[in-house]
Amino acid sequence: MAHEPLVVVETPEFSVTYVLALEDDADTVEDVDAIIRSHDGKEWSATLKTPARIAEVLDRYAVTGECAGGLYLQVPDLVIVREGGLDAMTRALVDLFGEYGMDTHVLPRLADDEDD
């Protein structure tokens, strides 16, 4: 089923733009990239994956030889979520920013004119 590749979810503190692949279902997606934008314009990147999806990637690397034959997975903006779907992923991001605040560097900040 065709869908829009960009899905924007608004929260009270920020918006999240998820980048879905053609085969992704917003209710079950287990691997998605996102841009988080606070109301004051700060932006962060995030890659959200479930443990099952991480295992699939490592298994594929074991076959392809990437990352020392699947020994590791390196993703600088990784957030591991227990379950798939944009709802669960948004809840995780809301909690993460609730815990660390909107001035956090817990996720990589995207470049802006006021980098600190």
N, C-alpha and C. Protein backbone atom coordinates (compact mmCIF):
# COMPACT_ATOMS: atom_id res chain seq x y z
N MET A 1 0.85 -1.18 0.00
CA MET A 1 0.00 0.00 0.00
C MET A 1 0.89 1.24 0.00
N ALA A 2 0.61 2.16 -0.89
CA ALA A 2 1.41 3.39 -1.00
C ALA A 2 1.09 4.32 0.16
N HIS A 3 2.12 5.05 0.58
CA HIS A 3 1.95 6.02 1.65
C HIS A 3 2.95 7.14 1.44
N GLU A 4 2.79 8.18 2.19
CA GLU A 4 3.74 9.28 2.13
C GLU A 4 5.05 8.83 2.79
N PRO A 5 6.20 9.16 2.19
CA PRO A 5 7.47 8.72 2.78
C PRO A 5 7.84 9.50 4.05
N LEU A 6 7.31 10.71 4.20
CA LEU A 6 7.61 11.50 5.39
C LEU A 6 6.35 11.59 6.26
N VAL A 7 6.49 11.17 7.50
CA VAL A 7 5.38 11.23 8.44
C VAL A 7 5.81 12.15 9.58
N VAL A 8 5.05 13.22 9.80
CA VAL A 8 5.36 14.18 10.86
C VAL A 8 4.43 13.93 12.04
N VAL A 9 5.03 13.78 13.22
CA VAL A 9 4.28 13.60 14.45
C VAL A 9 4.60 14.78 15.36
N GLU A 10 3.58 15.46 15.82
CA GLU A 10 3.74 16.61 16.71
C GLU A 10 3.60 16.17 18.17
N THR A 11 4.48 16.67 19.01
CA THR A 11 4.36 16.48 20.45
C THR A 11 4.34 17.88 21.07
N PRO A 12 4.04 18.00 22.35
CA PRO A 12 4.04 19.34 22.96
C PRO A 12 5.40 20.05 22.90
N GLU A 13 6.49 19.31 22.90
CA GLU A 13 7.82 19.92 22.96
C GLU A 13 8.56 19.97 21.62
N PHE A 14 8.20 19.09 20.69
CA PHE A 14 8.93 18.99 19.42
C PHE A 14 8.09 18.26 18.39
N SER A 15 8.58 18.30 17.14
CA SER A 15 7.99 17.48 16.09
C SER A 15 9.02 16.45 15.66
N VAL A 16 8.54 15.34 15.14
CA VAL A 16 9.40 14.29 14.63
C VAL A 16 8.99 14.02 13.19
N THR A 17 9.96 14.07 12.29
CA THR A 17 9.72 13.69 10.90
C THR A 17 10.38 12.34 10.68
N TYR A 18 9.54 11.33 10.46
CA TYR A 18 10.02 9.98 10.20
C TYR A 18 10.13 9.78 8.69
N VAL A 19 11.19 9.10 8.26
CA VAL A 19 11.41 8.82 6.84
C VAL A 19 11.14 7.33 6.62
N LEU A 20 9.98 7.04 6.06
CA LEU A 20 9.57 5.65 5.85
C LEU A 20 9.97 5.17 4.46
N ALA A 21 10.37 3.91 4.39
CA ALA A 21 10.60 3.26 3.10
C ALA A 21 9.25 2.85 2.52
N LEU A 22 9.23 2.56 1.23
CA LEU A 22 7.96 2.21 0.57
C LEU A 22 7.27 1.02 1.23
N GLU A 23 8.06 0.05 1.70
CA GLU A 23 7.45 -1.16 2.29
C GLU A 23 7.12 -1.01 3.77
N ASP A 24 7.47 0.12 4.38
CA ASP A 24 7.23 0.31 5.81
C ASP A 24 5.77 0.58 6.12
N ASP A 25 5.33 0.05 7.25
CA ASP A 25 4.01 0.32 7.80
C ASP A 25 4.23 1.12 9.08
N ALA A 26 3.61 2.26 9.19
CA ALA A 26 3.81 3.15 10.34
C ALA A 26 3.48 2.47 11.66
N ASP A 27 2.60 1.48 11.64
CA ASP A 27 2.20 0.80 12.88
C ASP A 27 3.17 -0.29 13.32
N THR A 28 4.04 -0.75 12.38
CA THR A 28 4.90 -1.88 12.72
C THR A 28 6.37 -1.67 12.36
N VAL A 29 6.73 -0.55 11.75
CA VAL A 29 8.10 -0.33 11.29
C VAL A 29 9.09 -0.56 12.44
N GLU A 30 10.20 -1.24 12.12
CA GLU A 30 11.19 -1.58 13.15
C GLU A 30 12.54 -0.93 12.91
N ASP A 31 12.64 -0.10 11.88
CA ASP A 31 13.91 0.52 11.53
C ASP A 31 13.59 1.79 10.76
N VAL A 32 13.81 2.95 11.37
CA VAL A 32 13.43 4.19 10.71
C VAL A 32 14.36 5.32 11.13
N ASP A 33 14.62 6.22 10.20
CA ASP A 33 15.38 7.42 10.50
C ASP A 33 14.41 8.55 10.81
N ALA A 34 14.86 9.48 11.65
CA ALA A 34 13.98 10.57 12.06
C ALA A 34 14.78 11.85 12.28
N ILE A 35 14.11 12.95 12.08
CA ILE A 35 14.63 14.27 12.44
C ILE A 35 13.70 14.84 13.50
N ILE A 36 14.28 15.23 14.63
CA ILE A 36 13.52 15.82 15.73
C ILE A 36 13.79 17.31 15.70
N ARG A 37 12.74 18.13 15.73
CA ARG A 37 12.89 19.58 15.71
C ARG A 37 12.14 20.19 16.89
N SER A 38 12.88 20.89 17.76
CA SER A 38 12.24 21.57 18.88
C SER A 38 11.55 22.82 18.37
N HIS A 39 10.68 23.40 19.19
CA HIS A 39 9.95 24.58 18.79
C HIS A 39 10.86 25.79 18.56
N ASP A 40 12.07 25.77 19.15
CA ASP A 40 13.00 26.89 18.92
C ASP A 40 13.95 26.62 17.74
N GLY A 41 13.70 25.55 16.99
CA GLY A 41 14.45 25.30 15.77
C GLY A 41 15.63 24.37 15.88
N LYS A 42 16.00 23.92 17.08
CA LYS A 42 17.10 22.95 17.21
C LYS A 42 16.66 21.63 16.59
N GLU A 43 17.62 20.93 15.97
CA GLU A 43 17.31 19.66 15.32
C GLU A 43 18.31 18.58 15.72
N TRP A 44 17.81 17.36 15.82
CA TRP A 44 18.63 16.19 16.12
C TRP A 44 18.28 15.10 15.11
N SER A 45 19.21 14.19 14.89
CA SER A 45 18.91 13.01 14.08
C SER A 45 18.79 11.81 15.01
N ALA A 46 18.00 10.85 14.57
CA ALA A 46 17.85 9.60 15.32
C ALA A 46 17.60 8.47 14.33
N THR A 47 18.16 7.33 14.65
CA THR A 47 17.84 6.08 13.96
C THR A 47 17.24 5.18 15.01
N LEU A 48 16.00 4.77 14.80
CA LEU A 48 15.29 3.95 15.77
C LEU A 48 15.17 2.54 15.24
N LYS A 49 15.61 1.56 16.03
CA LYS A 49 15.59 0.15 15.63
C LYS A 49 15.14 -0.71 16.81
N THR A 50 14.46 -1.78 16.48
CA THR A 50 14.11 -2.77 17.49
C THR A 50 15.27 -3.77 17.62
N PRO A 51 15.33 -4.49 18.74
CA PRO A 51 16.36 -5.54 18.87
C PRO A 51 16.27 -6.58 17.74
N ALA A 52 15.07 -6.92 17.31
CA ALA A 52 14.92 -7.91 16.23
C ALA A 52 15.54 -7.38 14.94
N ARG A 53 15.34 -6.11 14.66
CA ARG A 53 15.93 -5.53 13.44
C ARG A 53 17.45 -5.48 13.54
N ILE A 54 17.97 -5.16 14.72
CA ILE A 54 19.42 -5.15 14.92
C ILE A 54 19.99 -6.54 14.67
N ALA A 55 19.31 -7.57 15.17
CA ALA A 55 19.76 -8.95 14.95
C ALA A 55 19.77 -9.29 13.46
N GLU A 56 18.75 -8.84 12.73
CA GLU A 56 18.71 -9.08 11.28
C GLU A 56 19.89 -8.43 10.58
N VAL A 57 20.21 -7.20 10.96
CA VAL A 57 21.34 -6.49 10.35
C VAL A 57 22.64 -7.22 10.65
N LEU A 58 22.84 -7.61 11.90
CA LEU A 58 24.07 -8.33 12.26
C LEU A 58 24.17 -9.66 11.53
N ASP A 59 23.05 -10.35 11.38
CA ASP A 59 23.05 -11.61 10.63
C ASP A 59 23.42 -11.37 9.16
N ARG A 60 22.89 -10.31 8.58
CA ARG A 60 23.23 -9.98 7.19
C ARG A 60 24.71 -9.66 7.08
N TYR A 61 25.25 -8.89 8.03
CA TYR A 61 26.68 -8.56 8.03
C TYR A 61 27.54 -9.81 8.16
N ALA A 62 27.06 -10.81 8.89
CA ALA A 62 27.82 -12.06 9.03
C ALA A 62 28.00 -12.72 7.67
N VAL A 63 27.01 -12.56 6.80
CA VAL A 63 27.07 -13.14 5.46
C VAL A 63 27.90 -12.27 4.52
N THR A 64 27.72 -10.95 4.60
CA THR A 64 28.40 -10.04 3.67
C THR A 64 29.83 -9.73 4.09
N GLY A 65 30.15 -9.98 5.35
CA GLY A 65 31.48 -9.68 5.86
C GLY A 65 31.64 -8.27 6.40
N GLU A 66 30.59 -7.47 6.31
CA GLU A 66 30.66 -6.11 6.84
C GLU A 66 30.82 -6.12 8.36
N CYS A 67 31.42 -5.08 8.88
CA CYS A 67 31.56 -4.88 10.33
C CYS A 67 32.13 -6.13 11.00
N ALA A 68 33.29 -6.56 10.47
CA ALA A 68 34.01 -7.73 10.98
C ALA A 68 33.11 -8.97 11.01
N GLY A 69 32.37 -9.15 9.92
CA GLY A 69 31.52 -10.33 9.82
C GLY A 69 30.35 -10.32 10.77
N GLY A 70 29.79 -9.14 11.01
CA GLY A 70 28.63 -9.05 11.90
C GLY A 70 28.99 -8.98 13.37
N LEU A 71 30.24 -8.69 13.67
CA LEU A 71 30.67 -8.58 15.07
C LEU A 71 30.03 -7.38 15.77
N TYR A 72 29.77 -6.30 15.01
CA TYR A 72 29.24 -5.09 15.63
C TYR A 72 28.34 -4.33 14.66
N LEU A 73 27.62 -3.38 15.22
CA LEU A 73 26.81 -2.43 14.47
C LEU A 73 27.10 -1.07 15.07
N GLN A 74 27.51 -0.12 14.24
CA GLN A 74 27.84 1.22 14.71
C GLN A 74 26.89 2.21 14.07
N VAL A 75 26.07 2.87 14.90
CA VAL A 75 25.13 3.88 14.44
C VAL A 75 25.18 5.02 15.46
N PRO A 76 25.70 6.19 15.06
CA PRO A 76 25.93 7.26 16.05
C PRO A 76 24.67 7.81 16.70
N ASP A 77 23.52 7.71 16.04
CA ASP A 77 22.31 8.29 16.61
C ASP A 77 21.26 7.24 16.97
N LEU A 78 21.74 6.04 17.31
CA LEU A 78 20.84 4.90 17.54
C LEU A 78 20.04 5.03 18.84
N VAL A 79 18.75 4.78 18.70
CA VAL A 79 17.84 4.62 19.84
C VAL A 79 17.19 3.25 19.66
N ILE A 80 17.42 2.36 20.61
CA ILE A 80 16.85 1.02 20.54
C ILE A 80 15.50 1.04 21.24
N VAL A 81 14.48 0.58 20.53
CA VAL A 81 13.12 0.55 21.08
C VAL A 81 12.67 -0.91 21.18
N ARG A 82 11.96 -1.21 22.23
CA ARG A 82 11.53 -2.59 22.47
C ARG A 82 10.54 -3.08 21.42
N GLU A 83 9.68 -2.17 20.94
CA GLU A 83 8.66 -2.57 19.97
C GLU A 83 8.65 -1.62 18.78
N GLY A 84 8.14 -2.11 17.67
CA GLY A 84 8.08 -1.31 16.46
C GLY A 84 6.89 -0.39 16.43
N GLY A 85 6.83 0.42 15.39
CA GLY A 85 5.72 1.35 15.19
C GLY A 85 6.09 2.77 15.61
N LEU A 86 5.57 3.73 14.86
CA LEU A 86 5.88 5.13 15.14
C LEU A 86 5.35 5.60 16.48
N ASP A 87 4.25 5.04 16.94
CA ASP A 87 3.72 5.43 18.25
C ASP A 87 4.72 5.11 19.36
N ALA A 88 5.23 3.88 19.36
CA ALA A 88 6.22 3.49 20.39
C ALA A 88 7.49 4.30 20.25
N MET A 89 7.91 4.55 19.03
CA MET A 89 9.13 5.32 18.80
C MET A 89 8.97 6.76 19.27
N THR A 90 7.82 7.34 19.02
CA THR A 90 7.57 8.71 19.49
C THR A 90 7.54 8.75 21.01
N ARG A 91 6.91 7.77 21.63
CA ARG A 91 6.90 7.71 23.11
C ARG A 91 8.31 7.63 23.66
N ALA A 92 9.18 6.86 23.00
CA ALA A 92 10.57 6.75 23.44
C ALA A 92 11.27 8.10 23.33
N LEU A 93 11.07 8.81 22.24
CA LEU A 93 11.71 10.12 22.06
C LEU A 93 11.17 11.14 23.06
N VAL A 94 9.88 11.12 23.32
CA VAL A 94 9.30 12.02 24.32
C VAL A 94 9.94 11.76 25.68
N ASP A 95 10.10 10.49 26.04
CA ASP A 95 10.73 10.17 27.32
C ASP A 95 12.20 10.58 27.33
N LEU A 96 12.91 10.32 26.25
CA LEU A 96 14.33 10.66 26.17
C LEU A 96 14.53 12.17 26.36
N PHE A 97 13.77 12.98 25.65
CA PHE A 97 13.92 14.43 25.79
C PHE A 97 13.34 14.93 27.11
N GLY A 98 12.34 14.22 27.64
CA GLY A 98 11.84 14.57 28.97
C GLY A 98 12.89 14.33 30.04
N GLU A 99 13.67 13.29 29.87
CA GLU A 99 14.73 12.93 30.82
C GLU A 99 15.93 13.87 30.72
N TYR A 100 16.33 14.21 29.49
CA TYR A 100 17.58 14.97 29.28
C TYR A 100 17.34 16.44 28.92
N GLY A 101 16.10 16.83 28.64
CA GLY A 101 15.82 18.21 28.29
C GLY A 101 16.03 18.50 26.82
N MET A 102 15.56 19.65 26.40
CA MET A 102 15.63 20.02 24.99
C MET A 102 16.96 20.66 24.62
N ASP A 103 17.86 20.84 25.57
CA ASP A 103 19.20 21.35 25.26
C ASP A 103 20.22 20.22 25.22
N THR A 104 19.76 19.00 25.12
CA THR A 104 20.62 17.83 25.22
C THR A 104 21.46 17.60 23.96
N HIS A 105 22.56 16.92 24.18
CA HIS A 105 23.38 16.42 23.07
C HIS A 105 23.39 14.88 23.12
N VAL A 106 22.36 14.29 23.74
CA VAL A 106 22.29 12.84 23.84
C VAL A 106 22.12 12.21 22.44
N LEU A 107 21.55 12.95 21.53
CA LEU A 107 21.49 12.58 20.12
C LEU A 107 22.29 13.61 19.34
N PRO A 108 22.82 13.24 18.18
CA PRO A 108 23.60 14.21 17.40
C PRO A 108 22.74 15.38 16.95
N ARG A 109 23.24 16.56 17.22
CA ARG A 109 22.57 17.78 16.76
C ARG A 109 22.91 18.00 15.30
N LEU A 110 21.94 18.44 14.56
CA LEU A 110 22.17 18.82 13.17
C LEU A 110 22.66 20.27 13.17
N ALA A 111 23.45 20.61 12.19
CA ALA A 111 24.06 21.93 12.12
C ALA A 111 23.00 23.02 12.04
N ASP A 112 23.26 24.08 12.79
CA ASP A 112 22.43 25.28 12.68
C ASP A 112 23.31 26.49 12.97
N ASP A 113 22.75 27.66 12.85
CA ASP A 113 23.52 28.89 13.02
C ASP A 113 23.97 29.11 14.45
N GLU A 114 23.37 28.41 15.40
CA GLU A 114 23.67 28.66 16.80
C GLU A 114 24.30 27.44 17.47
N ASP A 115 25.06 26.64 16.73
CA ASP A 115 25.72 25.47 17.35
C ASP A 115 26.56 25.91 18.53
N ASP A 116 26.46 25.14 19.61
CA ASP A 116 27.27 25.43 20.79
C ASP A 116 28.13 24.26 21.14
